[in-house]
Every structure is written in structure tokens, then in C-alpha cells.
Amino acid sequence: MAVETSMDGAKPGGMGWAGGVALVLAARATGAQRERALLTRHALAHFDRSYPAGRASARMVAALAGLGVALGGRLGDDAAALRELVREALRDGRALALREGRGEARAGAAPMADEPTSPVAPRAVEEPESISDPRWSRARVPVGTTLSAVVTYAEIKSPLAATVVVSEVDRGSGREEVARIRTRIPAGSGDHAIEWRRSPDDAAADLDADAATGDGGPLEYRFRVESERLRCAGESGPLWLTNTVAVDIVKEEDRSAHEAPRIVVLTDAIGEERRTPSERGRARFEGVLVGPVRLRVAAPSFTRLAWGAPRVPVGEAVEARFSYADAIGGMKALVVVYEVNRDGASDEVYREEVTLNGASGEVRMPFTRSEEEAEGDIAEDADSGDAGPIEYRFAVAAEGRETAHSAALWLTHTVSVRVEEASEEGGYPAGAEVVLVAADGTEHRAPFNGEEASFEGVVCGPMVVRLDLSRAEAP
């Protein structure tokens, strides 16, 4: 790239500009260290004589930028600056191709033919001083705990006096300054930490002040950094204090009547809900945000008890399903399956403990009754005079309380009927049918082939079988 330049005033005397540059070129061209040093001194001397203070123009200085040297305001019109420019030309491995004419010169960067060039190293840009990123060392701490307000600083030339201003902020964007901490940020770069704590008494006073203004949020503290020399943009995120909340849910001194646990539910100032079982009428919560809380006593509830299907073949699994609420994750519930008679009497036939995974949810517990077990249940019903199908219902128990029973589950099976006796005429006419009336009153029919009839999906329980000849062909 070429740069047009012009001179102010007459051309310099002596060897002049071109002569001085010629010596620079010669100094670059020679490989002898002693000759290079001599020529360089001559070149610098000619530059001194040719360009005294006030003679070099701004455009002349711009022309010398072809050397690849960052000029950027540090060169004026003085000879000392031009001397430094020549030194840099020799060090950077670049030269000028110049020509004079009518008071003008053209300059351009050109590599030397006999010596390889090296890229010009960019000058380091001086970074400005800064302080930034105000933040707390921890987002939540127990009341009275010491923590740090941290700020990042960079390129600080000398120690910086600053003030950390801490404010208590409410949900309505109101704020009240609660602390001013003076500090000195050291020179250099890094993170600067300033210790701070809010005592229990001060936190209680802040909470009372918030209550007086109707603020329903937690105690929240933020800080900013002030300094006369530098500005730290922005404010820290929130700091929330925590404490322990102890709850008495009974007033009696004698707590023996309250040994059975109940569930205490605490909702904190940001709506987070926590649950714990009481112990002898007391409950305790750790790490609760300082602020308004809501408390209630709950008992787990179980609803929507139902089997996965109302009828299943004997020996196949079916799910006992139910929903729960107001529980505690990890607590146990007991699922009890009963065989129920028509008169309402029931016998427990199976039980299993299940784990509740949260405050609310759904449980699906598989249940299977084998054919042998079902036959035993049918026999017991027959002994008690129950002519209905074998019927299973389940209930859920927790905290000493049991739910009502679920709807009924009936098992089904395949029934084969064999007729042992033939008719006096030596057989039954074509069209005869075997009729089976199941325990639920359902009638099943199958053509009689002279030996056996088979029925699918018959409800397990007592049954009545008969032969129907009403549709048989006349002999």
C-alpha cells in the first residue's frame, strides 16, 4: 500500500530525507554487524539534522506508518520521535521504498531481498481499569453467619478506595440501606472479598419493618460498590437468610396422647413447601428462609382406589391403583386385599407395604391370585353359605387409619363339563345344549357333543349346570 505525503517548507539540507533513508536501507542490507551499527548511527544523525522539531509534517509521519509501526498519537513533530521510528524500522525488519519529487515523497512497505522478514508483533493494548461482577459468596446463609461480598477487579494501577453499600430489598422494589463497608481494592487483577454478617437482632428488626409495610417476601439483601475513581456497574444478586423453625401442634404438657405422628406442612416466603412428621406433637424445620411462613397439620389421603380391570383370568396379575396427597416422600402405606362375601364379611388374603415417592402421586401395585388360592376361597365361601362369586377388594392404611374398600375384582376361568350318564334311549338328540349358570347369574351355553362342553371366561364361584333339550331335534 502506498501513502502520499507532503513536506511543510523547504526540503531539508545535507543528505536530506532520501539520503537518510538510503543509509537505513544500507544498514538493513549489510550482513556485517559493525557496518550495520555505523550506518545506523549515520542514518539517525541525518534524521536529526534533516528533521528538527517543527519541520516534519503530520503527513510525513503518516508516510512512515508504512513501516508497520503503530504510530497512534505518540509521534509529534520532533526529531526524537523520528529517531525512535527509525530504530523500530531496523528492529522490525522492514524498509522504505521512497522517491523525491516536487517536494513530495511516496512511501511503501517492502521486504528486503537478501534477508527474510518477520511479521510485526502487535503492540500490547493497555486494558482500562475496571471493577465488575458484584456477587455474594453464598446465596443463602443462616442468620448471623459471616459471608463475603465479592467483586472482580482488573488492571488496577494503584490501590483503590471503595465502599460496599448493602441494602435490604422488599418485593415492592423498596430498599433500605443497612450497611456501608469501606475497603481498599489492591492493584492488579483478581477477586476482592469483603466480609459481612447480619446479626439475629438486626434481621428481626428488618423482618418487623417488612411486616409493617406489608411485604410478604423473605429478607433479601443486595449490595453495590461505590468508588470515586471507577464505577462498578450493576448490583449483586439476592442474599437470603435462613433459620430454624420449631412447631408445637399441641398445648398439653402431657404429650402421651400425641405419640402417633402427624404431618406438619410449612410454606415459606417464596412458596416452597416442606413437610415433616411430628413427634409427640412437635415438628422442626431447618434452613427456612427468614420471612413470613404458613403452617398446617395434614394427614395423608388416599383416593381413586380401583383395580386395573374389573375381571381378570385367575393366575394373571392385575394392578391395584390409588392416588395419594398430603403425604411425605418416603413414607410407607399398607395395601390390604380382602376376599369379600355378599353379606359384607371379609377375610384378608394379601397385604403389601408400598413407598410413597412424594407429597402426592399415584401407586400401582400388582396383585395375583393363583388358581389354587382361588379354589380355596371358593371352598370357604361354600362353607359359609355364600353363593356369590369370589370377590376381592383392597384398602390402603397409613398413620393408623384405613380407607374404605375399592370396587370389586372378579376372577374368571375356563370350565369343562362332562356328562357321565347317557339317556335311556342310548344318547341325546342333536341340538341338545349344556347350560352353565355362573355365580354372578350369567348364563353360558355350549352345544353338547355327547361327551364334553367347554366354557370360557366364567366368573369363579359356585355354579349350576344343566342340560337343555328344548332345542333338540325330535326323534
Protein backbone atom coordinates (compact mmCIF):
# COMPACT_ATOMS: atom_id res chain seq x y z
CA MET A 1 0.00 0.00 0.00
CA ALA A 2 1.33 3.47 -0.86
CA VAL A 3 0.82 6.58 1.23
CA GLU A 4 1.02 10.07 -0.28
CA THR A 5 2.88 12.60 1.89
CA SER A 6 3.92 16.25 1.58
CA MET A 7 6.51 18.39 3.32
CA ASP A 8 5.95 21.67 5.11
CA GLY A 9 8.53 24.27 3.97
CA ALA A 10 11.73 23.70 2.01
CA LYS A 11 13.40 20.38 1.57
CA PRO A 12 15.94 19.61 4.29
CA GLY A 13 19.60 20.23 3.55
CA GLY A 14 22.55 17.85 3.57
CA MET A 15 21.77 14.34 2.57
CA GLY A 16 18.12 15.11 3.22
CA TRP A 17 15.34 12.69 3.81
CA ALA A 18 16.16 10.40 0.85
CA GLY A 19 19.80 10.26 1.87
CA GLY A 20 18.93 9.35 5.44
CA VAL A 21 16.56 6.63 4.30
CA ALA A 22 19.22 5.34 1.89
CA LEU A 23 21.52 4.84 4.89
CA VAL A 24 18.75 2.99 6.69
CA LEU A 25 18.33 0.73 3.67
CA ALA A 26 22.06 0.16 3.53
CA ALA A 27 22.15 -0.65 7.21
CA ARG A 28 19.46 -3.25 6.67
CA ALA A 29 21.17 -4.68 3.57
CA THR A 30 24.60 -5.33 5.11
CA GLY A 31 25.19 -8.52 6.98
CA ALA A 32 28.16 -7.19 8.95
CA GLN A 33 27.17 -6.20 12.46
CA ARG A 34 29.85 -3.45 12.73
CA GLU A 35 28.95 -1.90 9.36
CA ARG A 36 25.24 -2.03 10.23
CA ALA A 37 25.85 -0.21 13.50
CA LEU A 38 27.92 2.52 11.78
CA LEU A 39 25.37 3.05 9.04
CA THR A 40 22.56 3.14 11.56
CA ARG A 41 24.30 5.87 13.55
CA HIS A 42 24.81 7.90 10.34
CA ALA A 43 21.14 7.42 9.41
CA LEU A 44 19.97 8.61 12.82
CA ALA A 45 22.34 11.63 12.68
CA HIS A 46 20.97 12.66 9.27
CA PHE A 47 17.42 12.33 10.54
CA ASP A 48 18.35 14.57 13.45
CA ARG A 49 19.73 17.27 11.15
CA SER A 50 17.08 16.95 8.49
CA TYR A 51 14.03 16.96 10.73
CA PRO A 52 14.42 19.27 13.69
CA ALA A 53 11.37 20.00 15.83
CA GLY A 54 8.59 21.63 13.85
CA ARG A 55 9.81 20.62 10.37
CA ALA A 56 8.18 17.19 9.89
CA SER A 57 4.54 17.34 8.87
CA ALA A 58 1.74 15.10 10.07
CA ARG A 59 1.51 13.56 6.61
CA MET A 60 5.23 12.84 6.72
CA VAL A 61 4.71 10.97 9.95
CA ALA A 62 1.80 9.10 8.36
CA ALA A 63 4.08 8.04 5.49
CA LEU A 64 6.42 6.38 7.93
CA ALA A 65 3.47 4.22 9.04
CA GLY A 66 4.33 2.07 6.06
CA LEU A 67 6.95 0.53 8.31
CA GLY A 68 4.12 -1.23 10.12
CA VAL A 69 4.86 0.67 13.35
CA ALA A 70 1.86 1.66 15.47
CA LEU A 71 2.05 5.44 15.48
CA GLY A 72 -1.19 6.13 17.34
CA GLY A 73 -0.61 9.65 18.67
CA ARG A 74 2.76 9.14 20.31
CA LEU A 75 4.67 10.77 17.39
CA GLY A 76 4.62 14.51 17.20
CA ASP A 77 6.79 16.73 15.02
CA ASP A 78 10.01 16.23 16.97
CA ALA A 79 13.25 14.60 15.89
CA ALA A 80 13.41 12.29 18.91
CA ALA A 81 10.21 10.58 17.85
CA LEU A 82 11.54 10.13 14.33
CA ARG A 83 14.75 8.65 15.69
CA GLU A 84 12.70 6.05 17.57
CA LEU A 85 10.77 5.34 14.38
CA VAL A 86 13.98 4.52 12.53
CA ARG A 87 15.12 2.25 15.34
CA GLU A 88 11.85 0.38 15.10
CA ALA A 89 12.23 0.10 11.33
CA LEU A 90 15.54 -1.67 11.78
CA ARG A 91 14.22 -3.92 14.56
CA ASP A 92 11.01 -4.89 12.74
CA GLY A 93 12.84 -5.98 9.60
CA ARG A 94 11.05 -3.63 7.22
CA ALA A 95 12.33 -0.86 4.89
CA LEU A 96 11.01 2.10 2.94
CA ALA A 97 10.96 2.40 -0.84
CA LEU A 98 10.94 6.18 -1.30
CA ARG A 99 11.39 8.69 -4.07
CA GLU A 100 11.54 12.50 -4.02
CA GLY A 101 9.96 14.87 -6.45
CA ARG A 102 8.46 18.34 -6.28
CA GLY A 103 8.52 18.38 -2.55
CA GLU A 104 6.62 15.04 -2.31
CA ALA A 105 7.66 11.53 -1.45
CA ARG A 106 5.94 8.15 -1.80
CA ALA A 107 6.45 5.51 0.88
CA GLY A 108 5.57 1.83 0.98
CA ALA A 109 6.50 -1.21 2.97
CA ALA A 110 8.77 -3.63 1.12
CA PRO A 111 10.68 -6.70 2.37
CA MET A 112 14.45 -6.85 1.86
CA ALA A 113 15.51 -9.25 -0.88
CA ASP A 114 18.55 -10.72 0.93
CA GLU A 115 17.01 -11.19 4.34
CA PRO A 116 13.70 -12.80 5.36
CA THR A 117 11.14 -10.65 7.03
CA SER A 118 9.28 -11.46 10.19
CA PRO A 119 5.73 -10.37 10.97
CA VAL A 120 5.40 -7.25 13.02
CA ALA A 121 4.35 -8.14 16.55
CA PRO A 122 1.24 -6.15 17.51
CA ARG A 123 1.74 -3.75 20.35
CA ALA A 124 0.01 -4.71 23.60
CA VAL A 125 -3.17 -2.71 24.10
CA GLU A 126 -3.36 -1.28 27.56
CA GLU A 127 -6.53 -2.51 29.24
CA PRO A 128 -8.59 0.00 31.21
CA GLU A 129 -9.07 -0.32 34.95
CA SER A 130 -12.34 -1.95 35.93
CA ILE A 131 -14.35 -3.40 38.81
CA SER A 132 -17.30 -5.66 37.97
CA ASP A 133 -19.49 -8.67 38.78
CA PRO A 134 -20.61 -7.91 42.36
CA ARG A 135 -21.85 -11.16 43.96
CA TRP A 136 -22.31 -12.92 47.28
CA SER A 137 -20.07 -15.86 48.14
CA ARG A 138 -23.24 -17.80 49.08
CA ALA A 139 -26.87 -17.24 48.11
CA ARG A 140 -28.35 -18.47 51.44
CA VAL A 141 -26.77 -18.47 54.90
CA PRO A 142 -28.09 -18.95 58.45
CA VAL A 143 -28.77 -15.74 60.35
CA GLY A 144 -25.59 -14.45 61.98
CA THR A 145 -23.24 -16.29 59.60
CA THR A 146 -20.31 -14.36 58.12
CA LEU A 147 -20.04 -14.45 54.34
CA SER A 148 -18.33 -12.36 51.66
CA ALA A 149 -19.37 -9.70 49.20
CA VAL A 150 -17.11 -10.36 46.20
CA VAL A 151 -16.14 -8.10 43.30
CA THR A 152 -13.82 -8.74 40.34
CA TYR A 153 -11.15 -6.10 39.60
CA ALA A 154 -8.80 -5.81 36.60
CA GLU A 155 -5.77 -3.70 35.63
CA ILE A 156 -5.96 -1.58 38.79
CA LYS A 157 -2.88 0.69 38.65
CA SER A 158 -2.84 1.63 42.33
CA PRO A 159 -4.90 0.60 45.39
CA LEU A 160 -8.47 1.82 45.04
CA ALA A 161 -10.64 3.11 47.89
CA ALA A 162 -14.20 1.79 47.59
CA THR A 163 -17.37 1.39 49.65
CA VAL A 164 -19.65 -1.65 49.70
CA VAL A 165 -23.25 -0.50 50.24
CA VAL A 166 -25.64 -3.23 51.47
CA SER A 167 -29.41 -2.71 51.24
CA GLU A 168 -32.41 -4.74 52.40
CA VAL A 169 -34.81 -5.03 49.45
CA ASP A 170 -38.52 -5.82 49.62
CA ARG A 171 -40.78 -7.28 46.94
CA GLY A 172 -42.23 -3.89 46.13
CA SER A 173 -38.76 -2.72 44.97
CA GLY A 174 -38.37 -0.63 48.11
CA ARG A 175 -34.97 -0.71 49.77
CA GLU A 176 -33.27 0.45 52.91
CA GLU A 177 -29.52 0.82 53.32
CA VAL A 178 -28.32 -1.31 56.23
CA ALA A 179 -24.51 -1.21 55.98
CA ARG A 180 -21.61 0.74 54.41
CA ILE A 181 -18.27 -1.07 54.44
CA ARG A 182 -15.08 0.77 53.45
CA THR A 183 -12.40 -1.26 51.70
CA ARG A 184 -9.29 -0.91 49.53
CA ILE A 185 -9.08 -2.89 46.32
CA PRO A 186 -5.44 -3.78 45.64
CA ALA A 187 -3.51 -3.04 42.47
CA GLY A 188 -3.55 -5.69 39.76
CA SER A 189 -6.34 -8.10 38.83
CA GLY A 190 -8.38 -10.70 40.70
CA ASP A 191 -11.32 -11.09 43.09
CA HIS A 192 -11.71 -8.92 46.18
CA ALA A 193 -13.84 -10.22 49.08
CA ILE A 194 -15.32 -8.16 51.92
CA GLU A 195 -16.76 -9.98 54.95
CA TRP A 196 -20.25 -9.13 56.24
CA ARG A 197 -22.89 -10.63 58.53
CA ARG A 198 -26.41 -9.77 59.68
CA SER A 199 -26.99 -10.48 63.35
CA PRO A 200 -30.20 -12.18 64.57
CA ASP A 201 -31.35 -8.95 66.27
CA ASP A 202 -30.77 -6.87 63.13
CA ALA A 203 -32.52 -9.47 60.98
CA ALA A 204 -35.50 -9.48 63.37
CA ALA A 205 -35.71 -5.68 63.08
CA ASP A 206 -35.59 -5.93 59.27
CA LEU A 207 -38.38 -8.52 59.37
CA ASP A 208 -40.55 -6.28 61.58
CA ALA A 209 -40.01 -3.37 59.19
CA ASP A 210 -41.06 -5.52 56.23
CA ALA A 211 -44.17 -6.71 58.08
CA ALA A 212 -45.13 -3.09 58.79
CA THR A 213 -45.06 -2.33 55.05
CA GLY A 214 -46.98 -5.49 54.12
CA ASP A 215 -44.02 -7.18 52.43
CA GLY A 216 -44.71 -10.92 52.28
CA GLY A 217 -41.35 -11.92 50.86
CA PRO A 218 -38.17 -13.18 52.51
CA LEU A 219 -35.46 -10.94 53.95
CA GLU A 220 -33.35 -10.10 50.90
CA TYR A 221 -30.02 -8.25 50.81
CA ARG A 222 -28.17 -6.88 47.80
CA PHE A 223 -25.02 -4.75 47.54
CA ARG A 224 -23.37 -2.33 45.17
CA VAL A 225 -19.81 -0.92 45.07
CA GLU A 226 -19.05 2.81 45.06
CA SER A 227 -15.71 4.45 44.20
CA GLU A 228 -14.73 7.98 43.18
CA ARG A 229 -12.23 6.76 40.60
CA LEU A 230 -14.13 3.90 38.97
CA ARG A 231 -17.74 2.89 38.55
CA CYS A 232 -18.88 -0.68 39.20
CA ALA A 233 -21.95 -1.29 37.07
CA GLY A 234 -24.86 -3.28 38.42
CA GLU A 235 -25.87 -4.76 41.73
CA SER A 236 -25.35 -8.17 43.28
CA GLY A 237 -27.98 -10.91 43.22
CA PRO A 238 -30.08 -11.62 46.32
CA LEU A 239 -28.81 -12.96 49.63
CA TRP A 240 -31.44 -14.76 51.73
CA LEU A 241 -31.03 -15.58 55.41
CA THR A 242 -32.28 -18.83 56.93
CA ASN A 243 -33.17 -20.03 60.41
CA THR A 244 -34.72 -22.97 62.29
CA VAL A 245 -38.48 -23.10 62.88
CA ALA A 246 -39.82 -25.22 65.78
CA VAL A 247 -43.57 -26.01 65.82
CA ASP A 248 -45.74 -27.18 68.75
CA ILE A 249 -49.02 -28.52 67.43
CA VAL A 250 -50.46 -29.29 70.88
CA LYS A 251 -50.62 -27.28 74.08
CA GLU A 252 -50.91 -30.09 76.62
CA GLU A 253 -47.95 -30.75 78.84
CA ASP A 254 -48.72 -34.46 78.74
CA ARG A 255 -47.95 -35.45 75.17
CA SER A 256 -48.53 -39.19 75.54
CA ALA A 257 -51.79 -38.86 73.61
CA HIS A 258 -49.86 -37.49 70.62
CA GLU A 259 -47.38 -40.25 70.02
CA ALA A 260 -48.88 -41.05 66.62
CA PRO A 261 -47.12 -38.78 64.12
CA ARG A 262 -48.97 -36.23 62.08
CA ILE A 263 -47.66 -34.34 59.08
CA VAL A 264 -46.75 -30.68 59.57
CA VAL A 265 -46.60 -28.64 56.37
CA LEU A 266 -44.60 -25.37 56.24
CA THR A 267 -44.80 -22.97 53.30
CA ASP A 268 -42.02 -20.36 53.27
CA ALA A 269 -41.90 -16.79 51.98
CA ILE A 270 -41.24 -17.79 48.36
CA GLY A 271 -43.92 -20.50 48.30
CA GLU A 272 -41.63 -23.51 48.75
CA GLU A 273 -43.40 -26.24 50.74
CA ARG A 274 -41.72 -28.53 53.24
CA ARG A 275 -43.16 -31.45 55.22
CA THR A 276 -42.10 -33.37 58.26
CA PRO A 277 -43.83 -35.82 60.61
CA SER A 278 -44.47 -34.57 64.10
CA GLU A 279 -43.02 -36.35 67.09
CA ARG A 280 -45.11 -36.23 70.25
CA GLY A 281 -46.79 -33.09 68.99
CA ARG A 282 -43.64 -31.27 67.87
CA ALA A 283 -42.03 -30.63 64.49
CA ARG A 284 -38.79 -28.92 63.49
CA PHE A 285 -37.67 -27.39 60.18
CA GLU A 286 -34.03 -26.46 59.43
CA GLY A 287 -32.85 -23.86 56.92
CA VAL A 288 -36.15 -21.99 56.50
CA LEU A 289 -35.97 -18.63 54.72
CA VAL A 290 -36.38 -15.77 57.18
CA GLY A 291 -39.73 -14.24 56.35
CA PRO A 292 -43.46 -14.96 56.74
CA VAL A 293 -44.35 -18.67 56.91
CA ARG A 294 -47.63 -20.62 56.81
CA LEU A 295 -48.16 -23.81 58.83
CA ARG A 296 -50.81 -26.51 58.75
CA VAL A 297 -51.26 -30.03 60.03
CA ALA A 298 -52.13 -32.61 57.37
CA ALA A 299 -52.97 -36.29 57.15
CA PRO A 300 -52.27 -38.37 54.06
CA SER A 301 -55.35 -39.02 51.96
CA PHE A 302 -55.90 -41.88 49.51
CA THR A 303 -58.44 -41.63 46.71
CA ARG A 304 -59.46 -43.23 43.40
CA LEU A 305 -58.93 -46.79 44.60
CA ALA A 306 -59.54 -49.07 41.62
CA TRP A 307 -58.38 -52.28 40.01
CA GLY A 308 -56.69 -52.11 36.63
CA ALA A 309 -59.56 -54.23 35.26
CA PRO A 310 -62.81 -55.41 36.87
CA ARG A 311 -62.24 -59.02 35.75
CA VAL A 312 -59.04 -60.95 35.03
CA PRO A 313 -58.33 -64.64 34.39
CA VAL A 314 -57.25 -66.48 37.51
CA GLY A 315 -53.47 -66.56 37.87
CA GLU A 316 -52.92 -63.32 35.90
CA ALA A 317 -51.63 -60.10 37.51
CA VAL A 318 -53.82 -57.04 37.89
CA GLU A 319 -52.88 -53.64 39.32
CA ALA A 320 -54.33 -52.19 42.49
CA ARG A 321 -54.20 -48.43 41.79
CA PHE A 322 -54.76 -45.41 44.01
CA SER A 323 -53.85 -41.72 44.28
CA TYR A 324 -52.47 -40.05 47.39
CA ALA A 325 -51.97 -36.49 48.67
CA ASP A 326 -50.66 -34.69 51.75
CA ALA A 327 -48.02 -37.34 52.30
CA ILE A 328 -44.27 -37.20 52.78
CA GLY A 329 -41.89 -38.66 50.22
CA GLY A 330 -40.50 -41.93 51.55
CA MET A 331 -43.34 -42.70 53.95
CA LYS A 332 -44.94 -46.14 53.85
CA ALA A 333 -48.52 -47.15 53.14
CA LEU A 334 -50.05 -50.62 53.53
CA VAL A 335 -52.22 -52.12 50.80
CA VAL A 336 -54.55 -54.82 52.17
CA VAL A 337 -56.57 -57.11 49.86
CA TYR A 338 -59.75 -58.75 51.19
CA GLU A 339 -61.99 -61.54 49.85
CA VAL A 340 -65.48 -60.16 50.49
CA ASN A 341 -68.74 -62.12 50.83
CA ARG A 342 -72.19 -60.99 49.81
CA ASP A 343 -73.14 -60.35 53.40
CA GLY A 344 -70.25 -57.89 53.80
CA ALA A 345 -67.99 -60.20 55.77
CA SER A 346 -64.38 -60.12 54.61
CA ASP A 347 -61.18 -62.08 55.05
CA GLU A 348 -57.73 -60.62 54.49
CA VAL A 349 -55.94 -62.62 51.81
CA TYR A 350 -52.91 -60.42 50.98
CA ARG A 351 -51.00 -57.35 52.19
CA GLU A 352 -48.03 -55.39 50.85
CA GLU A 353 -46.21 -52.27 52.04
CA VAL A 354 -45.55 -49.64 49.37
CA THR A 355 -43.42 -46.46 49.42
CA LEU A 356 -44.88 -43.07 48.56
CA ASN A 357 -42.49 -41.12 46.37
CA GLY A 358 -43.58 -37.57 47.21
CA ALA A 359 -46.23 -35.37 48.74
CA SER A 360 -48.70 -36.58 46.11
CA GLY A 361 -48.83 -39.09 43.31
CA GLU A 362 -50.17 -42.47 42.22
CA VAL A 363 -49.32 -46.04 43.23
CA ARG A 364 -49.79 -49.14 41.07
CA MET A 365 -49.27 -52.40 42.94
CA PRO A 366 -49.54 -55.74 41.08
CA PHE A 367 -51.74 -58.45 42.62
CA THR A 368 -52.11 -62.09 41.55
CA ARG A 369 -54.38 -64.83 42.90
CA SER A 370 -53.38 -68.32 41.80
CA GLU A 371 -55.88 -70.96 40.71
CA GLU A 372 -55.19 -72.98 43.82
CA GLU A 373 -55.74 -69.96 46.07
CA ALA A 374 -58.95 -69.10 44.22
CA GLU A 375 -60.26 -72.65 44.68
CA GLY A 376 -59.58 -72.34 48.40
CA ASP A 377 -61.53 -69.07 48.52
CA ILE A 378 -64.48 -70.74 46.70
CA ALA A 379 -64.48 -73.59 49.19
CA GLU A 380 -64.52 -71.19 52.13
CA ASP A 381 -67.43 -69.28 50.60
CA ALA A 382 -69.35 -72.53 50.09
CA ASP A 383 -68.77 -73.49 53.74
CA SER A 384 -70.15 -70.12 54.84
CA GLY A 385 -73.16 -70.43 52.53
CA ASP A 386 -72.05 -67.63 50.19
CA ALA A 387 -73.35 -68.43 46.70
CA GLY A 388 -71.84 -65.37 45.06
CA PRO A 389 -68.62 -65.11 43.07
CA ILE A 390 -65.31 -64.80 44.86
CA GLU A 391 -64.77 -61.06 45.11
CA TYR A 392 -61.63 -59.11 46.02
CA ARG A 393 -61.43 -55.52 47.25
CA PHE A 394 -58.49 -53.60 48.65
CA ALA A 395 -57.94 -50.77 51.11
CA VAL A 396 -54.96 -48.52 51.96
CA ALA A 397 -53.77 -47.87 55.51
CA ALA A 398 -51.36 -45.21 56.84
CA GLU A 399 -50.84 -43.38 60.12
CA GLY A 400 -53.17 -45.86 61.82
CA ARG A 401 -56.11 -45.10 59.52
CA GLU A 402 -57.55 -47.25 56.72
CA THR A 403 -59.54 -46.17 53.70
CA ALA A 404 -62.82 -47.58 52.50
CA HIS A 405 -62.63 -50.56 50.17
CA SER A 406 -62.13 -50.35 46.45
CA ALA A 407 -64.59 -51.63 43.86
CA ALA A 408 -64.77 -55.40 43.29
CA LEU A 409 -62.39 -57.58 41.32
CA TRP A 410 -63.74 -60.88 39.96
CA LEU A 411 -61.56 -63.70 38.68
CA THR A 412 -62.56 -65.77 35.67
CA HIS A 413 -61.59 -69.23 34.48
CA THR A 414 -62.39 -71.90 31.88
CA VAL A 415 -64.91 -74.58 32.86
CA SER A 416 -65.21 -78.00 31.15
CA VAL A 417 -68.42 -80.02 31.75
CA ARG A 418 -68.56 -83.79 31.12
CA VAL A 419 -71.89 -85.63 31.06
CA GLU A 420 -71.36 -89.05 32.67
CA GLU A 421 -74.76 -90.66 32.08
CA ALA A 422 -76.46 -91.30 28.74
CA SER A 423 -80.21 -91.26 28.14
CA GLU A 424 -82.30 -94.41 28.29
CA GLU A 425 -82.65 -94.26 24.54
CA GLY A 426 -78.88 -94.61 24.18
CA GLY A 427 -77.97 -90.95 23.63
CA TYR A 428 -79.13 -87.38 23.47
CA PRO A 429 -80.75 -85.95 20.37
CA ALA A 430 -78.92 -83.49 18.16
CA GLY A 431 -79.29 -79.85 19.27
CA ALA A 432 -79.04 -80.54 22.97
CA GLU A 433 -77.17 -77.82 24.91
CA VAL A 434 -75.25 -77.68 28.17
CA VAL A 435 -76.19 -74.63 30.20
CA LEU A 436 -73.91 -73.20 32.93
CA VAL A 437 -75.20 -70.50 35.27
CA ALA A 438 -72.21 -68.76 36.92
CA ALA A 439 -72.07 -67.26 40.42
CA ASP A 440 -72.82 -63.78 39.07
CA GLY A 441 -76.01 -65.09 37.35
CA THR A 442 -74.54 -65.09 33.87
CA GLU A 443 -75.80 -67.96 31.69
CA HIS A 444 -73.34 -69.73 29.41
CA ARG A 445 -74.42 -72.23 26.69
CA ALA A 446 -72.49 -74.76 24.63
CA PRO A 447 -73.68 -77.46 22.18
CA PHE A 448 -73.46 -80.91 23.65
CA ASN A 449 -71.35 -83.28 21.56
CA GLY A 450 -72.16 -86.34 23.61
CA GLU A 451 -69.15 -86.07 25.90
CA GLU A 452 -67.97 -82.59 26.96
CA ALA A 453 -68.82 -78.90 26.82
CA SER A 454 -66.30 -76.06 27.45
CA PHE A 455 -66.98 -72.51 28.69
CA GLU A 456 -64.52 -69.55 28.65
CA GLY A 457 -64.49 -66.55 30.99
CA VAL A 458 -66.71 -67.97 33.69
CA VAL A 459 -66.63 -65.99 36.95
CA CYS A 460 -65.03 -68.01 39.74
CA GLY A 461 -67.57 -69.17 42.31
CA PRO A 462 -70.43 -71.61 42.77
CA MET A 463 -72.19 -72.57 39.55
CA VAL A 464 -75.20 -74.58 38.31
CA VAL A 465 -75.01 -76.86 35.25
CA ARG A 466 -77.95 -78.38 33.38
CA LEU A 467 -78.79 -79.99 30.04
CA ASP A 468 -81.27 -78.14 27.84
CA LEU A 469 -83.21 -80.31 25.36
CA SER A 470 -85.72 -77.65 24.36
CA ARG A 471 -83.95 -77.07 21.09
CA ALA A 472 -83.14 -80.70 20.39
CA GLU A 473 -84.44 -82.37 17.23
CA ALA A 474 -87.40 -84.68 17.61
CA PRO A 475 -86.50 -88.41 17.42
